[in-house]
């Protein structure tokens, strides 16, 4: 998969072409401003893979939190407020 770096001013002028390259040729485009990488245009499939990965990570964290709650027990909201010193 090809990755192209382009500054934002040139990207603005070539936007339609960039979208075609990304969507049809699966190219990744890194946008730069003053020499710094600031954003990316990626094929939709790349974004979907990222989101799936994030979902799996979130699910693992939720499962771990449930296991911890089962092993160590839970406390009420009032108990939590007392622990953190909430004045409400």
Protein backbone atom coordinates (compact mmCIF):
# COMPACT_ATOMS: atom_id res chain seq x y z
CA UNK A 1 0.00 0.00 0.00
CA UNK A 2 1.35 3.39 -1.00
CA UNK A 3 1.61 6.31 1.42
CA UNK A 4 1.92 9.83 0.08
CA UNK A 5 2.85 12.94 2.02
CA UNK A 6 1.33 16.22 0.86
CA UNK A 7 1.03 19.66 2.41
CA UNK A 8 -2.46 20.96 3.09
CA UNK A 9 -2.30 23.72 0.47
CA UNK A 10 -1.47 21.24 -2.30
CA UNK A 11 -4.05 18.80 -0.92
CA UNK A 12 -6.73 21.48 -1.17
CA UNK A 13 -5.94 21.95 -4.85
CA UNK A 14 -5.83 18.19 -5.51
CA UNK A 15 -8.64 17.10 -3.19
CA UNK A 16 -10.78 15.29 -5.80
CA UNK A 17 -7.74 13.43 -7.12
CA UNK A 18 -6.64 12.49 -3.59
CA UNK A 19 -10.06 11.06 -2.79
CA UNK A 20 -9.96 8.98 -5.97
CA UNK A 21 -6.48 7.71 -5.17
CA UNK A 22 -7.51 6.78 -1.63
CA UNK A 23 -10.85 5.19 -2.49
CA UNK A 24 -9.92 3.37 -5.69
CA UNK A 25 -6.20 2.68 -5.31
CA UNK A 26 -6.17 2.24 -1.52
CA UNK A 27 -3.47 4.87 -1.14
CA UNK A 28 -2.90 6.50 2.23
CA UNK A 29 -2.33 10.25 2.26
CA UNK A 30 -0.59 12.01 5.14
CA UNK A 31 -1.35 15.73 5.31
CA UNK A 32 1.38 18.03 6.49
CA UNK A 33 1.48 21.63 7.60
CA UNK A 34 4.79 23.44 8.01
CA UNK A 35 6.55 20.10 7.67
CA UNK A 36 4.55 18.43 10.47
CA UNK A 37 2.24 15.47 9.93
CA UNK A 38 -1.21 16.57 11.09
CA UNK A 39 -3.85 14.25 9.61
CA UNK A 40 -4.45 11.36 7.26
CA UNK A 41 -6.86 10.39 4.54
CA UNK A 42 -7.18 6.63 4.50
CA UNK A 43 -9.36 4.08 2.73
CA UNK A 44 -12.60 3.31 4.52
CA UNK A 45 -11.39 -0.26 5.08
CA UNK A 46 -8.44 1.07 7.11
CA UNK A 47 -10.77 3.10 9.32
CA UNK A 48 -13.04 0.09 9.83
CA UNK A 49 -10.05 -2.03 10.92
CA UNK A 50 -9.01 0.67 13.40
CA UNK A 51 -12.54 0.87 14.81
CA UNK A 52 -12.79 -2.93 15.10
CA UNK A 53 -9.48 -2.99 16.94
CA UNK A 54 -10.65 -0.26 19.33
CA UNK A 55 -13.92 -2.15 19.93
CA UNK A 56 -12.01 -5.35 20.75
CA UNK A 57 -9.73 -3.42 23.10
CA UNK A 58 -12.73 -1.81 24.83
CA UNK A 59 -14.41 -5.20 25.17
CA UNK A 60 -11.26 -6.71 26.73
CA UNK A 61 -11.10 -3.83 29.22
CA UNK A 62 -14.78 -4.27 30.11
CA UNK A 63 -14.32 -8.02 30.63
CA UNK A 64 -11.27 -7.38 32.83
CA UNK A 65 -13.23 -4.80 34.86
CA UNK A 66 -16.08 -7.27 35.38
CA UNK A 67 -13.63 -9.97 36.48
CA UNK A 68 -12.03 -7.54 38.92
CA UNK A 69 -15.43 -6.54 40.29
CA UNK A 70 -16.35 -10.20 40.81
CA UNK A 71 -13.03 -10.93 42.53
CA UNK A 72 -12.76 -7.84 44.72
CA UNK A 73 -16.38 -6.82 45.10
CA UNK A 74 -18.00 -3.48 44.47
CA UNK A 75 -19.03 -0.48 46.54
CA UNK A 76 -22.06 1.78 46.43
CA UNK A 77 -22.03 5.28 45.01
CA UNK A 78 -22.35 6.67 48.52
CA UNK A 79 -19.29 4.70 49.64
CA UNK A 80 -17.35 6.00 46.67
CA UNK A 81 -18.35 9.58 47.49
CA UNK A 82 -17.13 9.08 51.06
CA UNK A 83 -13.82 7.65 49.81
CA UNK A 84 -13.12 10.56 47.47
CA UNK A 85 -14.49 13.16 49.88
CA UNK A 86 -17.38 14.40 47.77
CA UNK A 87 -19.28 17.16 49.50
CA UNK A 88 -22.64 16.35 47.85
